[in-house]
Amino acid sequence: MEKTPEKKSKRKKPEKPLNKEKAKRYTCIVCPACCDLETDGVEVNGARCPKGEAFAKQEMVAPLRVITTTVRSDTATGTKMIPVKTTCPVPLALIPEVMKQVKELCLSEIPPIGTLLKTGASSQSVEWVVTGEVA
């Protein structure tokens, strides 16, 4: 008699005990599943993948975000808005400062997709990449 391969269960992993005094809740934004996470900084409950666990632990220590926005381009044909995003995540606390820096940026021409732009002083510079056509 041949053995049939066992099917993997789609049940959630058993929840680990958390320190309820330190526990925080998050909604994972790494993938479209949007898992409801709960973590105390050591253990993570509710994550359906390793990326969710890493996201929850990062949120406890220092939350980061990729910023998407537009940059003004004044050309001979008028003012255009160019879509851009940061090349790497930015600490959540620095987002207002970074947005002020990018708001001051004005291009004299329309750059092609993939062009890198820099804003800010060298110690806190942020690199942006052009992500689309003129909006």
Protein backbone atom coordinates (compact mmCIF):
# COMPACT_ATOMS: atom_id res chain seq x y z
CA MET A 1 0.00 0.00 0.00
CA GLU A 2 1.39 3.37 -1.04
CA LYS A 3 1.41 6.31 1.30
CA THR A 4 -0.18 9.48 0.04
CA PRO A 5 1.67 12.70 0.77
CA GLU A 6 0.19 14.64 3.64
CA LYS A 7 -1.41 17.95 2.83
CA LYS A 8 -0.06 20.95 4.64
CA SER A 9 -2.54 22.49 7.00
CA LYS A 10 -3.58 26.08 6.35
CA ARG A 11 -4.32 26.60 10.03
CA LYS A 12 -2.70 29.52 11.79
CA LYS A 13 0.32 28.84 13.96
CA PRO A 14 -0.51 28.60 17.65
CA GLU A 15 -0.23 31.98 19.29
CA LYS A 16 2.74 32.54 21.55
CA PRO A 17 2.32 34.09 24.99
CA LEU A 18 2.99 37.83 24.96
CA ASN A 19 3.93 40.27 27.67
CA LYS A 20 0.55 42.05 27.72
CA GLU A 21 1.99 45.20 29.35
CA LYS A 22 4.36 45.77 26.41
CA ALA A 23 2.17 44.34 23.63
CA LYS A 24 1.27 46.56 20.67
CA ARG A 25 -1.00 45.93 17.70
CA TYR A 26 -0.13 46.67 14.06
CA THR A 27 -1.54 46.00 10.62
CA CYS A 28 1.22 44.66 8.40
CA ILE A 29 1.78 46.76 5.25
CA VAL A 30 4.45 44.58 3.63
CA CYS A 31 2.12 42.51 1.44
CA PRO A 32 -1.56 42.55 0.39
CA ALA A 33 -2.59 40.08 3.14
CA CYS A 34 -2.64 42.94 5.72
CA CYS A 35 -2.18 40.64 8.72
CA ASP A 36 -3.32 41.89 12.14
CA LEU A 37 -0.18 41.61 14.25
CA GLU A 38 0.40 41.76 17.97
CA THR A 39 3.91 41.90 19.40
CA ASP A 40 5.72 42.60 22.63
CA GLY A 41 9.05 43.13 20.83
CA VAL A 42 10.13 39.51 21.27
CA GLU A 43 7.23 37.37 20.09
CA VAL A 44 4.86 38.16 17.21
CA ASN A 45 1.34 36.76 16.81
CA GLY A 46 -0.83 36.95 13.70
CA ALA A 47 1.91 37.02 11.04
CA ARG A 48 1.31 34.64 8.15
CA CYS A 49 4.86 35.01 6.81
CA PRO A 50 8.37 35.88 8.06
CA LYS A 51 8.10 39.36 6.50
CA GLY A 52 5.22 40.17 8.85
CA GLU A 53 7.25 39.13 11.87
CA ALA A 54 10.18 41.31 10.76
CA PHE A 55 7.80 44.24 10.10
CA ALA A 56 6.28 44.06 13.61
CA LYS A 57 9.68 43.92 15.29
CA GLN A 58 10.92 46.89 13.20
CA GLU A 59 7.81 48.90 14.09
CA MET A 60 8.53 48.40 17.80
CA VAL A 61 12.12 49.65 17.47
CA ALA A 62 12.09 52.33 14.77
CA PRO A 63 9.23 52.54 12.24
CA LEU A 64 10.27 53.19 8.64
CA ARG A 65 8.32 54.20 5.50
CA VAL A 66 9.01 54.62 1.79
CA ILE A 67 7.63 58.03 0.77
CA THR A 68 5.88 58.64 -2.54
CA THR A 69 5.12 62.18 -3.70
CA THR A 70 5.58 64.53 -6.65
CA VAL A 71 8.29 67.08 -7.53
CA ARG A 72 7.65 70.29 -9.47
CA SER A 73 9.28 70.77 -12.85
CA ASP A 74 9.11 74.23 -14.44
CA THR A 75 9.68 73.89 -18.18
CA ALA A 76 9.05 76.08 -21.21
CA THR A 77 5.69 74.35 -21.66
CA GLY A 78 4.58 75.08 -18.09
CA THR A 79 4.72 73.51 -14.65
CA LYS A 80 4.51 69.72 -14.45
CA MET A 81 4.44 67.38 -11.47
CA ILE A 82 6.88 64.44 -11.58
CA PRO A 83 6.09 61.31 -9.47
CA VAL A 84 8.97 60.18 -7.22
CA LYS A 85 9.64 57.88 -4.25
CA THR A 86 12.47 57.47 -1.78
CA THR A 87 15.04 54.83 -2.72
CA CYS A 88 15.07 53.46 0.82
CA PRO A 89 12.77 53.67 3.85
CA VAL A 90 12.88 56.84 5.97
CA PRO A 91 12.38 56.94 9.77
CA LEU A 92 8.78 57.92 10.52
CA ALA A 93 9.89 60.83 12.72
CA LEU A 94 11.84 62.41 9.83
CA ILE A 95 9.02 62.37 7.26
CA PRO A 96 7.84 65.99 7.89
CA GLU A 97 11.42 67.29 7.47
CA VAL A 98 12.00 65.19 4.34
CA MET A 99 8.73 66.43 2.83
CA LYS A 100 9.78 70.07 3.43
CA GLN A 101 13.05 69.38 1.60
CA VAL A 102 11.39 67.77 -1.41
CA LYS A 103 8.77 70.54 -1.57
CA GLU A 104 11.59 73.05 -2.17
CA LEU A 105 12.98 70.98 -5.06
CA CYS A 106 12.14 72.35 -8.52
CA LEU A 107 13.52 70.78 -11.69
CA SER A 108 14.27 72.72 -14.87
CA GLU A 109 13.54 69.76 -17.13
CA ILE A 110 11.46 66.58 -17.11
CA PRO A 111 13.76 63.67 -16.14
CA PRO A 112 13.29 60.13 -17.51
CA ILE A 113 11.98 57.32 -15.29
CA GLY A 114 14.73 55.94 -13.05
CA THR A 115 16.59 59.24 -12.65
CA LEU A 116 17.98 59.71 -9.14
CA LEU A 117 17.48 63.03 -7.32
CA LYS A 118 18.95 64.14 -3.96
CA THR A 119 17.52 66.50 -1.38
CA GLY A 120 18.82 67.81 1.94
CA ALA A 121 22.22 68.36 3.48
CA SER A 122 24.87 65.67 3.06
CA SER A 123 24.36 64.38 6.62
CA GLN A 124 20.60 63.94 6.16
CA SER A 125 20.29 63.69 2.40
CA VAL A 126 17.51 61.61 0.92
CA GLU A 127 17.71 60.01 -2.49
CA TRP A 128 14.59 59.93 -4.68
CA VAL A 129 13.90 58.02 -7.89
CA VAL A 130 11.58 59.21 -10.66
CA THR A 131 8.84 56.57 -10.91
CA GLY A 132 6.58 57.66 -13.73
CA GLU A 133 5.63 59.96 -16.54
CA VAL A 134 4.55 63.56 -16.02
CA ALA A 135 1.37 63.77 -13.94
